[in-house]
Amino acid sequence: VNDGAAADVLVRQIVEHLRAALPLELGDARRMLGDLR
């Protein structure tokens, strides 16, 4: 829906999640990177 601002906020939350050493699946990370690209 082209809500880039909300997408950027969500990505910052995902980054914090990863910094806290919480898991994220490789497939999900690859998919999200493709969507962002």
All heavy atoms as atom14 arrays in JSON, in Angstrom:
{
  "sequence": "VNDGAAADVLVRQIVEHLRAALPLELGDARRMLGDLR",
  "atom14_mask": [
    [1, 1, 1, 1, 1, 1, 1, 0, 0, 0, 0, 0, 0, 0],
    [1, 1, 1, 1, 1, 1, 1, 1, 0, 0, 0, 0, 0, 0],
    [1, 1, 1, 1, 1, 1, 1, 1, 0, 0, 0, 0, 0, 0],
    [1, 1, 1, 1, 0, 0, 0, 0, 0, 0, 0, 0, 0, 0],
    [1, 1, 1, 1, 1, 0, 0, 0, 0, 0, 0, 0, 0, 0],
    [1, 1, 1, 1, 1, 0, 0, 0, 0, 0, 0, 0, 0, 0],
    [1, 1, 1, 1, 1, 0, 0, 0, 0, 0, 0, 0, 0, 0],
    [1, 1, 1, 1, 1, 1, 1, 1, 0, 0, 0, 0, 0, 0],
    [1, 1, 1, 1, 1, 1, 1, 0, 0, 0, 0, 0, 0, 0],
    [1, 1, 1, 1, 1, 1, 1, 1, 0, 0, 0, 0, 0, 0],
    [1, 1, 1, 1, 1, 1, 1, 0, 0, 0, 0, 0, 0, 0],
    [1, 1, 1, 1, 1, 1, 1, 1, 1, 1, 1, 0, 0, 0],
    [1, 1, 1, 1, 1, 1, 1, 1, 1, 0, 0, 0, 0, 0],
    [1, 1, 1, 1, 1, 1, 1, 1, 0, 0, 0, 0, 0, 0],
    [1, 1, 1, 1, 1, 1, 1, 0, 0, 0, 0, 0, 0, 0],
    [1, 1, 1, 1, 1, 1, 1, 1, 1, 0, 0, 0, 0, 0],
    [1, 1, 1, 1, 1, 1, 1, 1, 1, 1, 0, 0, 0, 0],
    [1, 1, 1, 1, 1, 1, 1, 1, 0, 0, 0, 0, 0, 0],
    [1, 1, 1, 1, 1, 1, 1, 1, 1, 1, 1, 0, 0, 0],
    [1, 1, 1, 1, 1, 0, 0, 0, 0, 0, 0, 0, 0, 0],
    [1, 1, 1, 1, 1, 0, 0, 0, 0, 0, 0, 0, 0, 0],
    [1, 1, 1, 1, 1, 1, 1, 1, 0, 0, 0, 0, 0, 0],
    [1, 1, 1, 1, 1, 1, 1, 0, 0, 0, 0, 0, 0, 0],
    [1, 1, 1, 1, 1, 1, 1, 1, 0, 0, 0, 0, 0, 0],
    [1, 1, 1, 1, 1, 1, 1, 1, 1, 0, 0, 0, 0, 0],
    [1, 1, 1, 1, 1, 1, 1, 1, 0, 0, 0, 0, 0, 0],
    [1, 1, 1, 1, 0, 0, 0, 0, 0, 0, 0, 0, 0, 0],
    [1, 1, 1, 1, 1, 1, 1, 1, 0, 0, 0, 0, 0, 0],
    [1, 1, 1, 1, 1, 0, 0, 0, 0, 0, 0, 0, 0, 0],
    [1, 1, 1, 1, 1, 1, 1, 1, 1, 1, 1, 0, 0, 0],
    [1, 1, 1, 1, 1, 1, 1, 1, 1, 1, 1, 0, 0, 0],
    [1, 1, 1, 1, 1, 1, 1, 1, 0, 0, 0, 0, 0, 0],
    [1, 1, 1, 1, 1, 1, 1, 1, 0, 0, 0, 0, 0, 0],
    [1, 1, 1, 1, 0, 0, 0, 0, 0, 0, 0, 0, 0, 0],
    [1, 1, 1, 1, 1, 1, 1, 1, 0, 0, 0, 0, 0, 0],
    [1, 1, 1, 1, 1, 1, 1, 1, 0, 0, 0, 0, 0, 0],
    [1, 1, 1, 1, 1, 1, 1, 1, 1, 1, 1, 0, 0, 0]
  ],
  "atom14_positions": [
    [[0.83, -1.22, 0.0], [0.0, 0.0, 0.0], [0.86, 1.27, 0.0], [0.37, 2.36, 0.25], [-1.0, 0.02, 1.18], [-1.98, -1.14, 1.07], [-0.28, 0.01, 2.53], [0.0, 0.0, 0.0], [0.0, 0.0, 0.0], [0.0, 0.0, 0.0], [0.0, 0.0, 0.0], [0.0, 0.0, 0.0], [0.0, 0.0, 0.0], [0.0, 0.0, 0.0]],
    [[2.16, 1.1, -0.28], [3.1, 2.21, -0.39], [3.2, 3.05, 0.88], [3.35, 4.27, 0.82], [2.77, 3.1, -1.6], [2.97, 2.36, -2.9], [3.97, 1.67, -3.07], [2.02, 2.49, -3.8], [0.0, 0.0, 0.0], [0.0, 0.0, 0.0], [0.0, 0.0, 0.0], [0.0, 0.0, 0.0], [0.0, 0.0, 0.0], [0.0, 0.0, 0.0]],
    [[3.12, 2.39, 2.04], [3.3, 3.09, 3.31], [4.76, 2.93, 3.74], [5.09, 2.15, 4.64], [2.34, 2.54, 4.37], [2.31, 3.41, 5.62], [3.19, 4.29, 5.78], [1.39, 3.21, 6.45], [0.0, 0.0, 0.0], [0.0, 0.0, 0.0], [0.0, 0.0, 0.0], [0.0, 0.0, 0.0], [0.0, 0.0, 0.0], [0.0, 0.0, 0.0]],
    [[5.63, 3.66, 3.05], [7.06, 3.56, 3.3], [7.46, 3.95, 4.71], [8.35, 3.34, 5.3], [0.0, 0.0, 0.0], [0.0, 0.0, 0.0], [0.0, 0.0, 0.0], [0.0, 0.0, 0.0], [0.0, 0.0, 0.0], [0.0, 0.0, 0.0], [0.0, 0.0, 0.0], [0.0, 0.0, 0.0], [0.0, 0.0, 0.0], [0.0, 0.0, 0.0]],
    [[6.81, 4.95, 5.26], [7.16, 5.4, 6.61], [6.89, 4.3, 7.63], [7.72, 4.03, 8.5], [6.4, 6.67, 6.97], [0.0, 0.0, 0.0], [0.0, 0.0, 0.0], [0.0, 0.0, 0.0], [0.0, 0.0, 0.0], [0.0, 0.0, 0.0], [0.0, 0.0, 0.0], [0.0, 0.0, 0.0], [0.0, 0.0, 0.0], [0.0, 0.0, 0.0]],
    [[5.74, 3.68, 7.54], [5.41, 2.59, 8.46], [6.32, 1.39, 8.22], [6.72, 0.7, 9.17], [3.95, 2.19, 8.33], [0.0, 0.0, 0.0], [0.0, 0.0, 0.0], [0.0, 0.0, 0.0], [0.0, 0.0, 0.0], [0.0, 0.0, 0.0], [0.0, 0.0, 0.0], [0.0, 0.0, 0.0], [0.0, 0.0, 0.0], [0.0, 0.0, 0.0]],
    [[6.66, 1.14, 6.96], [7.58, 0.04, 6.65], [8.95, 0.29, 7.27], [9.56, -0.63, 7.84], [7.7, -0.15, 5.14], [0.0, 0.0, 0.0], [0.0, 0.0, 0.0], [0.0, 0.0, 0.0], [0.0, 0.0, 0.0], [0.0, 0.0, 0.0], [0.0, 0.0, 0.0], [0.0, 0.0, 0.0], [0.0, 0.0, 0.0], [0.0, 0.0, 0.0]],
    [[9.42, 1.54, 7.22], [10.71, 1.88, 7.81], [10.68, 1.69, 9.33], [11.65, 1.21, 9.92], [11.1, 3.32, 7.47], [11.41, 3.51, 6.0], [11.66, 2.51, 5.28], [11.4, 4.68, 5.55], [0.0, 0.0, 0.0], [0.0, 0.0, 0.0], [0.0, 0.0, 0.0], [0.0, 0.0, 0.0], [0.0, 0.0, 0.0], [0.0, 0.0, 0.0]],
    [[9.57, 2.04, 9.97], [9.43, 1.83, 11.42], [9.48, 0.34, 11.74], [10.17, -0.08, 12.67], [8.12, 2.47, 11.95], [7.82, 2.02, 13.37], [8.2, 3.99, 11.86], [0.0, 0.0, 0.0], [0.0, 0.0, 0.0], [0.0, 0.0, 0.0], [0.0, 0.0, 0.0], [0.0, 0.0, 0.0], [0.0, 0.0, 0.0], [0.0, 0.0, 0.0]],
    [[8.78, -0.46, 10.95], [8.78, -1.91, 11.17], [10.19, -2.48, 10.98], [10.62, -3.33, 11.76], [7.78, -2.61, 10.24], [7.65, -4.12, 10.41], [7.27, -4.49, 11.85], [6.64, -4.68, 9.42], [0.0, 0.0, 0.0], [0.0, 0.0, 0.0], [0.0, 0.0, 0.0], [0.0, 0.0, 0.0], [0.0, 0.0, 0.0], [0.0, 0.0, 0.0]],
    [[10.89, -2.02, 9.98], [12.27, -2.51, 9.77], [13.14, -2.15, 10.97], [13.94, -2.98, 11.42], [12.86, -1.97, 8.45], [14.37, -2.22, 8.38], [12.17, -2.61, 7.26], [0.0, 0.0, 0.0], [0.0, 0.0, 0.0], [0.0, 0.0, 0.0], [0.0, 0.0, 0.0], [0.0, 0.0, 0.0], [0.0, 0.0, 0.0], [0.0, 0.0, 0.0]],
    [[12.99, -0.94, 11.5], [13.76, -0.58, 12.7], [13.43, -1.53, 13.86], [14.31, -1.9, 14.64], [13.51, 0.88, 13.09], [14.24, 1.86, 12.17], [14.26, 3.28, 12.71], [12.95, 3.91, 12.77], [12.35, 4.51, 11.74], [12.94, 4.55, 10.56], [11.18, 5.07, 11.89], [0.0, 0.0, 0.0], [0.0, 0.0, 0.0], [0.0, 0.0, 0.0]],
    [[12.17, -1.93, 14.0], [11.79, -2.89, 15.04], [12.43, -4.25, 14.79], [12.89, -4.91, 15.73], [10.27, -3.02, 15.11], [9.58, -1.77, 15.61], [8.06, -1.86, 15.49], [7.51, -2.78, 14.9], [7.39, -0.86, 16.05], [0.0, 0.0, 0.0], [0.0, 0.0, 0.0], [0.0, 0.0, 0.0], [0.0, 0.0, 0.0], [0.0, 0.0, 0.0]],
    [[12.48, -4.66, 13.53], [13.11, -5.94, 13.18], [14.6, -5.9, 13.5], [15.16, -6.85, 14.05], [12.87, -6.28, 11.69], [11.38, -6.45, 11.41], [13.64, -7.54, 11.29], [11.03, -6.4, 9.92], [0.0, 0.0, 0.0], [0.0, 0.0, 0.0], [0.0, 0.0, 0.0], [0.0, 0.0, 0.0], [0.0, 0.0, 0.0], [0.0, 0.0, 0.0]],
    [[15.24, -4.77, 13.19], [16.67, -4.62, 13.49], [16.9, -4.71, 14.99], [17.82, -5.41, 15.45], [17.21, -3.29, 12.9], [18.59, -2.96, 13.46], [17.24, -3.37, 11.38], [0.0, 0.0, 0.0], [0.0, 0.0, 0.0], [0.0, 0.0, 0.0], [0.0, 0.0, 0.0], [0.0, 0.0, 0.0], [0.0, 0.0, 0.0], [0.0, 0.0, 0.0]],
    [[16.07, -4.05, 15.78], [16.2, -4.14, 17.24], [15.98, -5.58, 17.72], [16.66, -6.04, 18.63], [15.23, -3.18, 17.93], [15.62, -1.72, 17.78], [17.05, -1.43, 18.23], [17.45, -1.89, 19.34], [17.78, -0.76, 17.49], [0.0, 0.0, 0.0], [0.0, 0.0, 0.0], [0.0, 0.0, 0.0], [0.0, 0.0, 0.0], [0.0, 0.0, 0.0]],
    [[15.05, -6.28, 17.11], [14.79, -7.68, 17.42], [16.06, -8.51, 17.18], [16.45, -9.32, 18.02], [13.64, -8.17, 16.52], [13.29, -9.61, 16.67], [12.37, -10.06, 17.58], [13.71, -10.71, 15.98], [12.25, -11.36, 17.46], [13.05, -11.78, 16.49], [0.0, 0.0, 0.0], [0.0, 0.0, 0.0], [0.0, 0.0, 0.0], [0.0, 0.0, 0.0]],
    [[16.71, -8.28, 16.06], [17.93, -9.02, 15.74], [19.07, -8.63, 16.67], [19.87, -9.48, 17.07], [18.32, -8.77, 14.28], [17.4, -9.41, 13.25], [17.69, -8.88, 11.86], [17.54, -10.93, 13.28], [0.0, 0.0, 0.0], [0.0, 0.0, 0.0], [0.0, 0.0, 0.0], [0.0, 0.0, 0.0], [0.0, 0.0, 0.0], [0.0, 0.0, 0.0]],
    [[19.15, -7.35, 17.04], [20.2, -6.9, 17.98], [20.03, -7.53, 19.36], [21.01, -7.7, 20.08], [20.18, -5.39, 18.11], [20.81, -4.69, 16.94], [20.92, -3.22, 17.19], [21.56, -2.59, 16.05], [21.43, -1.33, 15.74], [20.71, -0.53, 16.49], [22.04, -0.84, 14.69], [0.0, 0.0, 0.0], [0.0, 0.0, 0.0], [0.0, 0.0, 0.0]],
    [[18.8, -7.86, 19.7], [18.54, -8.5, 20.99], [18.77, -10.01, 20.92], [18.42, -10.73, 21.85], [17.1, -8.21, 21.44], [0.0, 0.0, 0.0], [0.0, 0.0, 0.0], [0.0, 0.0, 0.0], [0.0, 0.0, 0.0], [0.0, 0.0, 0.0], [0.0, 0.0, 0.0], [0.0, 0.0, 0.0], [0.0, 0.0, 0.0], [0.0, 0.0, 0.0]],
    [[19.34, -10.46, 19.82], [19.67, -11.87, 19.6], [18.43, -12.76, 19.56], [18.48, -13.93, 19.94], [20.67, -12.37, 20.64], [0.0, 0.0, 0.0], [0.0, 0.0, 0.0], [0.0, 0.0, 0.0], [0.0, 0.0, 0.0], [0.0, 0.0, 0.0], [0.0, 0.0, 0.0], [0.0, 0.0, 0.0], [0.0, 0.0, 0.0], [0.0, 0.0, 0.0]],
    [[17.31, -12.19, 19.12], [16.11, -12.97, 18.94], [16.07, -13.5, 17.51], [16.58, -12.86, 16.59], [14.88, -12.12, 19.26], [14.83, -11.64, 20.71], [13.73, -10.6, 20.89], [14.62, -12.8, 21.67], [0.0, 0.0, 0.0], [0.0, 0.0, 0.0], [0.0, 0.0, 0.0], [0.0, 0.0, 0.0], [0.0, 0.0, 0.0], [0.0, 0.0, 0.0]],
    [[15.47, -14.66, 17.31], [15.58, -15.32, 16.0], [14.72, -14.69, 14.91], [13.67, -14.13, 15.16], [15.12, -16.75, 16.29], [14.19, -16.61, 17.45], [14.73, -15.47, 18.28], [0.0, 0.0, 0.0], [0.0, 0.0, 0.0], [0.0, 0.0, 0.0], [0.0, 0.0, 0.0], [0.0, 0.0, 0.0], [0.0, 0.0, 0.0], [0.0, 0.0, 0.0]],
    [[15.25, -14.82, 13.69], [14.52, -14.49, 12.48], [14.94, -15.54, 11.46], [16.12, -15.87, 11.36], [14.89, -13.09, 12.0], [14.12, -12.52, 10.82], [12.64, -12.3, 11.19], [14.72, -11.21, 10.36], [0.0, 0.0, 0.0], [0.0, 0.0, 0.0], [0.0, 0.0, 0.0], [0.0, 0.0, 0.0], [0.0, 0.0, 0.0], [0.0, 0.0, 0.0]],
    [[13.98, -16.07, 10.75], [14.28, -17.11, 9.76], [14.98, -16.51, 8.56], [14.63, -15.42, 8.1], [12.99, -17.81, 9.32], [12.3, -18.61, 10.41], [13.11, -19.8, 10.86], [13.73, -20.46, 10.0], [13.14, -20.05, 12.08], [0.0, 0.0, 0.0], [0.0, 0.0, 0.0], [0.0, 0.0, 0.0], [0.0, 0.0, 0.0], [0.0, 0.0, 0.0]],
    [[15.94, -17.25, 8.02], [16.67, -16.81, 6.84], [15.72, -16.53, 5.67], [15.84, -15.51, 5.0], [17.71, -17.86, 6.44], [18.53, -17.56, 5.2], [19.33, -16.28, 5.35], [19.46, -18.74, 4.9], [0.0, 0.0, 0.0], [0.0, 0.0, 0.0], [0.0, 0.0, 0.0], [0.0, 0.0, 0.0], [0.0, 0.0, 0.0], [0.0, 0.0, 0.0]],
    [[14.75, -17.4, 5.47], [13.79, -17.21, 4.38], [12.98, -15.93, 4.54], [12.72, -15.23, 3.56], [0.0, 0.0, 0.0], [0.0, 0.0, 0.0], [0.0, 0.0, 0.0], [0.0, 0.0, 0.0], [0.0, 0.0, 0.0], [0.0, 0.0, 0.0], [0.0, 0.0, 0.0], [0.0, 0.0, 0.0], [0.0, 0.0, 0.0], [0.0, 0.0, 0.0]],
    [[12.6, -15.6, 5.77], [11.86, -14.36, 6.02], [12.74, -13.14, 5.75], [12.29, -12.16, 5.15], [11.34, -14.32, 7.46], [10.22, -15.31, 7.71], [9.5, -15.67, 6.75], [10.07, -15.74, 8.87], [0.0, 0.0, 0.0], [0.0, 0.0, 0.0], [0.0, 0.0, 0.0], [0.0, 0.0, 0.0], [0.0, 0.0, 0.0], [0.0, 0.0, 0.0]],
    [[14.0, -13.2, 6.18], [14.91, -12.08, 5.95], [15.11, -11.87, 4.45], [15.04, -10.74, 3.96], [16.25, -12.34, 6.64], [0.0, 0.0, 0.0], [0.0, 0.0, 0.0], [0.0, 0.0, 0.0], [0.0, 0.0, 0.0], [0.0, 0.0, 0.0], [0.0, 0.0, 0.0], [0.0, 0.0, 0.0], [0.0, 0.0, 0.0], [0.0, 0.0, 0.0]],
    [[15.32, -12.94, 3.72], [15.52, -12.83, 2.27], [14.27, -12.27, 1.58], [14.37, -11.43, 0.7], [15.89, -14.2, 1.69], [17.29, -14.59, 2.06], [17.7, -15.99, 1.72], [17.06, -16.56, 0.55], [17.36, -17.75, 0.07], [18.31, -18.47, 0.64], [16.75, -18.23, -0.99], [0.0, 0.0, 0.0], [0.0, 0.0, 0.0], [0.0, 0.0, 0.0]],
    [[13.1, -12.73, 2.03], [11.85, -12.24, 1.45], [11.66, -10.75, 1.72], [11.3, -9.97, 0.82], [10.67, -13.02, 2.01], [9.34, -12.53, 1.52], [8.21, -13.34, 2.11], [6.96, -12.63, 1.91], [5.91, -12.74, 2.68], [5.93, -13.56, 3.7], [4.82, -12.05, 2.44], [0.0, 0.0, 0.0], [0.0, 0.0, 0.0], [0.0, 0.0, 0.0]],
    [[11.92, -10.33, 2.96], [11.75, -8.93, 3.3], [12.73, -8.05, 2.52], [12.36, -6.97, 2.04], [11.92, -8.72, 4.8], [10.74, -9.28, 5.59], [10.84, -8.9, 7.36], [12.13, -10.02, 7.88], [0.0, 0.0, 0.0], [0.0, 0.0, 0.0], [0.0, 0.0, 0.0], [0.0, 0.0, 0.0], [0.0, 0.0, 0.0], [0.0, 0.0, 0.0]],
    [[13.95, -8.51, 2.37], [14.93, -7.74, 1.59], [14.49, -7.61, 0.14], [14.64, -6.55, -0.47], [16.31, -8.4, 1.69], [16.99, -8.26, 3.05], [18.2, -9.19, 3.15], [17.39, -6.82, 3.31], [0.0, 0.0, 0.0], [0.0, 0.0, 0.0], [0.0, 0.0, 0.0], [0.0, 0.0, 0.0], [0.0, 0.0, 0.0], [0.0, 0.0, 0.0]],
    [[13.95, -8.68, -0.42], [13.44, -8.62, -1.79], [12.28, -7.64, -1.93], [12.21, -6.87, -2.89], [0.0, 0.0, 0.0], [0.0, 0.0, 0.0], [0.0, 0.0, 0.0], [0.0, 0.0, 0.0], [0.0, 0.0, 0.0], [0.0, 0.0, 0.0], [0.0, 0.0, 0.0], [0.0, 0.0, 0.0], [0.0, 0.0, 0.0], [0.0, 0.0, 0.0]],
    [[11.38, -7.66, -0.94], [10.25, -6.72, -0.97], [10.73, -5.27, -0.87], [10.23, -4.39, -1.58], [9.27, -7.02, 0.18], [8.5, -8.32, -0.01], [8.46, -8.85, -1.14], [7.92, -8.8, 0.99], [0.0, 0.0, 0.0], [0.0, 0.0, 0.0], [0.0, 0.0, 0.0], [0.0, 0.0, 0.0], [0.0, 0.0, 0.0], [0.0, 0.0, 0.0]],
    [[11.7, -5.02, 0.01], [12.24, -3.67, 0.15], [12.95, -3.23, -1.13], [12.84, -2.08, -1.55], [13.21, -3.62, 1.34], [12.55, -3.72, 2.71], [13.6, -4.03, 3.78], [11.8, -2.44, 3.06], [0.0, 0.0, 0.0], [0.0, 0.0, 0.0], [0.0, 0.0, 0.0], [0.0, 0.0, 0.0], [0.0, 0.0, 0.0], [0.0, 0.0, 0.0]],
    [[13.67, -4.14, -1.78], [14.36, -3.82, -3.03], [13.37, -3.43, -4.11], [13.56, -2.44, -4.82], [15.22, -5.0, -3.5], [15.98, -4.71, -4.8], [16.77, -5.9, -5.31], [16.02, -7.14, -5.33], [15.13, -7.48, -6.26], [14.84, -6.66, -7.25], [14.51, -8.64, -6.21], [0.0, 0.0, 0.0], [0.0, 0.0, 0.0], [0.0, 0.0, 0.0]]
  ]
}
